[in-house]
Amino acid sequence: MDLATVDKLLTTTRSVRKRLDLERPVEREIIMDCIEIALQAPTGSNAQGWHFMVVTDAEKKAQIADYYKQSWDVYSSQRVEPTSGQVAVKGQMKKVIGSAAYLAENMARIPVMIIPCVEGRVEKAPQWMQASVYGSILPAAWSLMLALRARGIGSSWTTLHLKYEKETSELLGIPENFTQAALLPIGYFTGADFKPAKRLPASELTSWDSWGN
């Protein structure tokens, strides 16, 4: 493999919000090609219980965007203590919050929404089973985001609409036995290429054999 290309893809797949092109449509065939790639991801017990709900209908996008905005208004009004990573990378969170607020205001204008779903419900399941269910859709969803990024298409992992998961399922006809894992707003990105983000070094976030070692 060309490691330089692979490493660039993995270190520059950013959460794209403000730089999404809200006017340029995303071709159906490109989305389907990327989903085909995503379906090569590993899945627990080879269950392959995944399903990708692609939303382009303007009215349905507007309703989902309204659910998202209602959740954002509640979430953004709450004070949350910053993590050690947020504290270490000073100044970054202000940009992130501004970008997230922009997305909440413009979600209805996003060219495409993709909702990764997986067969099964986890509300009353033990932790190991919850991990198995989500572990069967998250790798595929991340592969989808990487495939889109390689084609000049940005995305962002969002979950705020899940406060209204039942209503969204009814709107889109998603069966009751399927779990929505996220909402990916999709669009071509504008501007120059992306750079690696500021992160804490791996040496501070890795332990060998015992925590803290």
Protein backbone atom coordinates (compact mmCIF):
# COMPACT_ATOMS: atom_id res chain seq x y z
CA MET A 1 0.00 0.00 0.00
CA ASP A 2 1.00 3.61 -0.49
CA LEU A 3 1.33 4.42 3.21
CA ALA A 4 1.70 8.16 2.61
CA THR A 5 -1.70 8.27 0.92
CA VAL A 6 -3.33 6.02 3.51
CA ASP A 7 -1.88 8.01 6.41
CA LYS A 8 -3.01 11.29 4.86
CA LEU A 9 -6.55 9.97 4.46
CA LEU A 10 -6.66 8.75 8.06
CA THR A 11 -5.17 11.92 9.57
CA THR A 12 -7.18 14.45 7.54
CA THR A 13 -10.69 13.01 7.68
CA ARG A 14 -12.11 15.89 9.70
CA SER A 15 -15.64 16.61 10.92
CA VAL A 16 -16.80 18.92 8.14
CA ARG A 17 -19.54 21.41 8.97
CA LYS A 18 -18.88 25.00 7.88
CA ARG A 19 -17.02 23.88 4.79
CA LEU A 20 -19.83 21.75 3.37
CA ASP A 21 -21.00 23.05 -0.02
CA LEU A 22 -24.73 23.52 0.56
CA GLU A 23 -25.48 24.20 -3.11
CA ARG A 24 -23.65 21.42 -4.93
CA PRO A 25 -25.52 18.10 -5.17
CA VAL A 26 -23.78 14.82 -4.40
CA GLU A 27 -24.14 12.22 -7.13
CA ARG A 28 -26.20 9.15 -6.28
CA GLU A 29 -23.70 6.81 -7.94
CA ILE A 30 -20.83 8.12 -5.80
CA ILE A 31 -22.83 7.56 -2.61
CA MET A 32 -23.66 4.02 -3.71
CA ASP A 33 -20.02 3.31 -4.59
CA CYS A 34 -18.97 4.47 -1.11
CA ILE A 35 -21.65 2.35 0.57
CA GLU A 36 -20.41 -0.69 -1.40
CA ILE A 37 -16.96 -0.03 0.07
CA ALA A 38 -18.42 0.42 3.57
CA LEU A 39 -20.08 -2.99 3.36
CA GLN A 40 -16.63 -4.60 3.32
CA ALA A 41 -16.13 -3.55 6.96
CA PRO A 42 -16.02 -6.22 9.68
CA THR A 43 -19.29 -7.13 11.38
CA GLY A 44 -19.98 -9.09 14.57
CA SER A 45 -20.70 -12.79 13.88
CA ASN A 46 -20.77 -11.84 10.18
CA ALA A 47 -24.36 -10.72 10.84
CA GLN A 48 -24.30 -7.98 8.17
CA GLY A 49 -27.40 -6.47 9.76
CA TRP A 50 -26.58 -2.99 8.51
CA HIS A 51 -28.69 -0.60 6.46
CA PHE A 52 -27.88 2.90 5.23
CA MET A 53 -30.83 5.30 5.10
CA VAL A 54 -30.05 8.00 2.51
CA VAL A 55 -32.24 11.10 2.73
CA THR A 56 -32.42 13.70 -0.05
CA ASP A 57 -36.12 14.65 0.08
CA ALA A 58 -36.31 18.33 1.09
CA GLU A 59 -39.35 17.98 3.37
CA LYS A 60 -37.95 14.99 5.20
CA LYS A 61 -34.58 16.68 5.61
CA ALA A 62 -36.33 19.75 7.03
CA GLN A 63 -38.18 17.66 9.62
CA ILE A 64 -35.05 15.81 10.70
CA ALA A 65 -33.19 19.13 10.83
CA ASP A 66 -35.90 20.47 13.13
CA TYR A 67 -35.45 17.50 15.48
CA TYR A 68 -31.69 18.08 15.39
CA LYS A 69 -32.05 21.79 16.14
CA GLN A 70 -34.33 21.13 19.12
CA SER A 71 -31.75 18.75 20.58
CA TRP A 72 -28.92 21.17 19.85
CA ASP A 73 -30.70 23.99 21.69
CA VAL A 74 -30.98 21.83 24.81
CA TYR A 75 -27.45 20.42 24.52
CA SER A 76 -25.77 23.77 23.90
CA SER A 77 -27.47 25.35 26.91
CA GLN A 78 -25.97 22.80 29.30
CA ARG A 79 -22.59 23.34 30.91
CA VAL A 80 -20.33 20.33 30.41
CA GLU A 81 -16.95 20.05 32.11
CA PRO A 82 -14.19 19.86 29.48
CA THR A 83 -12.17 16.69 29.05
CA SER A 84 -8.41 16.64 29.55
CA GLY A 85 -7.96 16.63 25.79
CA GLN A 86 -10.12 19.72 25.37
CA VAL A 87 -8.18 21.52 28.09
CA ALA A 88 -4.82 20.56 26.58
CA VAL A 89 -5.65 21.87 23.10
CA LYS A 90 -6.58 25.41 24.08
CA GLY A 91 -8.75 27.48 21.76
CA GLN A 92 -9.91 24.51 19.72
CA MET A 93 -13.29 24.07 21.43
CA LYS A 94 -14.43 27.59 20.58
CA LYS A 95 -14.05 26.76 16.90
CA VAL A 96 -15.75 23.40 17.33
CA ILE A 97 -18.74 24.94 19.12
CA GLY A 98 -19.09 27.63 16.45
CA SER A 99 -18.92 25.00 13.74
CA ALA A 100 -21.50 22.80 15.49
CA ALA A 101 -23.86 25.77 15.91
CA TYR A 102 -23.52 26.54 12.20
CA LEU A 103 -24.45 22.96 11.33
CA ALA A 104 -27.50 23.06 13.60
CA GLU A 105 -28.71 26.23 11.86
CA ASN A 106 -28.12 24.86 8.36
CA MET A 107 -28.87 21.16 8.68
CA ALA A 108 -31.94 21.37 6.42
CA ARG A 109 -29.74 22.71 3.61
CA ILE A 110 -27.33 19.78 3.69
CA PRO A 111 -27.39 18.05 0.26
CA VAL A 112 -27.59 14.52 1.69
CA MET A 113 -28.20 12.93 5.07
CA ILE A 114 -27.11 9.35 5.68
CA ILE A 115 -28.33 7.47 8.75
CA PRO A 116 -26.37 4.26 9.44
CA CYS A 117 -28.73 1.68 10.95
CA VAL A 118 -28.20 -1.78 12.37
CA GLU A 119 -30.65 -4.59 13.03
CA GLY A 120 -31.39 -5.07 16.72
CA ARG A 121 -32.26 -2.97 19.77
CA VAL A 122 -29.96 -2.44 22.75
CA GLU A 123 -32.01 -0.53 25.34
CA LYS A 124 -32.24 -3.46 27.77
CA ALA A 125 -29.25 -5.45 26.55
CA PRO A 126 -26.11 -6.11 28.66
CA GLN A 127 -23.02 -4.06 27.86
CA TRP A 128 -21.29 -6.77 25.85
CA MET A 129 -24.32 -7.12 23.60
CA GLN A 130 -24.62 -3.35 23.13
CA ALA A 131 -20.95 -3.25 22.15
CA SER A 132 -21.52 -6.06 19.65
CA VAL A 133 -24.48 -4.34 17.99
CA TYR A 134 -22.78 -0.95 17.68
CA GLY A 135 -19.52 -2.66 16.74
CA SER A 136 -21.32 -4.09 13.72
CA ILE A 137 -22.27 -0.70 12.27
CA LEU A 138 -19.64 1.81 13.46
CA PRO A 139 -16.74 0.33 11.41
CA ALA A 140 -18.91 0.39 8.27
CA ALA A 141 -20.01 3.97 8.93
CA TRP A 142 -16.39 5.09 9.41
CA SER A 143 -15.37 3.30 6.21
CA LEU A 144 -18.16 5.20 4.46
CA MET A 145 -16.83 8.51 5.78
CA LEU A 146 -13.30 7.64 4.66
CA ALA A 147 -14.48 6.63 1.19
CA LEU A 148 -16.41 9.89 0.87
CA ARG A 149 -13.39 11.90 2.06
CA ALA A 150 -11.20 10.31 -0.61
CA ARG A 151 -13.67 11.63 -3.20
CA GLY A 152 -13.74 15.20 -1.92
CA ILE A 153 -16.92 14.77 0.09
CA GLY A 154 -17.08 15.85 3.72
CA SER A 155 -19.15 14.46 6.57
CA SER A 156 -19.56 14.71 10.30
CA TRP A 157 -20.56 12.17 12.96
CA THR A 158 -23.64 13.55 14.71
CA THR A 159 -26.11 11.95 17.13
CA LEU A 160 -28.35 14.75 18.43
CA HIS A 161 -31.31 13.72 16.28
CA LEU A 162 -31.45 10.42 18.20
CA LYS A 163 -33.44 12.16 20.93
CA TYR A 164 -36.17 11.84 18.31
CA GLU A 165 -35.20 8.44 16.96
CA LYS A 166 -38.74 7.07 17.11
CA GLU A 167 -40.17 10.06 15.25
CA THR A 168 -37.39 9.87 12.65
CA SER A 169 -38.02 6.16 12.14
CA GLU A 170 -41.71 6.84 11.56
CA LEU A 171 -40.89 9.62 9.12
CA LEU A 172 -38.55 7.41 7.08
CA GLY A 173 -40.27 4.06 7.53
CA ILE A 174 -37.34 2.51 9.41
CA PRO A 175 -38.49 -0.78 11.03
CA GLU A 176 -38.84 -0.83 14.80
CA ASN A 177 -36.20 -3.57 15.19
CA PHE A 178 -33.48 -1.38 13.66
CA THR A 179 -31.28 0.99 15.67
CA GLN A 180 -30.13 4.31 14.23
CA ALA A 181 -26.45 4.80 15.09
CA ALA A 182 -25.83 8.35 13.85
CA LEU A 183 -26.69 11.02 11.31
CA LEU A 184 -24.02 11.90 8.73
CA PRO A 185 -24.55 15.24 6.93
CA ILE A 186 -22.90 14.81 3.51
CA GLY A 187 -21.63 17.34 0.98
CA TYR A 188 -18.63 18.27 -1.11
CA PHE A 189 -16.22 20.35 0.95
CA THR A 190 -14.99 23.78 -0.06
CA GLY A 191 -11.56 25.38 0.28
CA ALA A 192 -8.15 23.79 0.43
CA ASP A 193 -7.24 20.38 1.78
CA PHE A 194 -7.44 19.44 5.48
CA LYS A 195 -4.54 19.14 7.90
CA PRO A 196 -4.02 16.82 10.87
CA ALA A 197 -5.70 18.14 14.02
CA LYS A 198 -3.95 19.07 17.24
CA ARG A 199 -4.09 16.06 19.52
CA LEU A 200 -2.42 14.85 22.70
CA PRO A 201 0.49 12.50 21.93
CA ALA A 202 -0.15 8.76 21.90
CA SER A 203 2.34 8.31 24.76
CA GLU A 204 -0.05 10.16 27.10
CA LEU A 205 -3.08 8.15 26.04
CA THR A 206 -1.68 4.63 25.92
CA SER A 207 -1.02 2.14 28.73
CA TRP A 208 0.82 -1.18 28.53
CA ASP A 209 -0.39 -4.10 30.70
CA SER A 210 -1.53 -1.81 33.57
CA TRP A 211 -3.43 1.49 33.48
CA GLY A 212 -1.00 4.39 33.61
CA ASN A 213 1.99 2.23 32.75
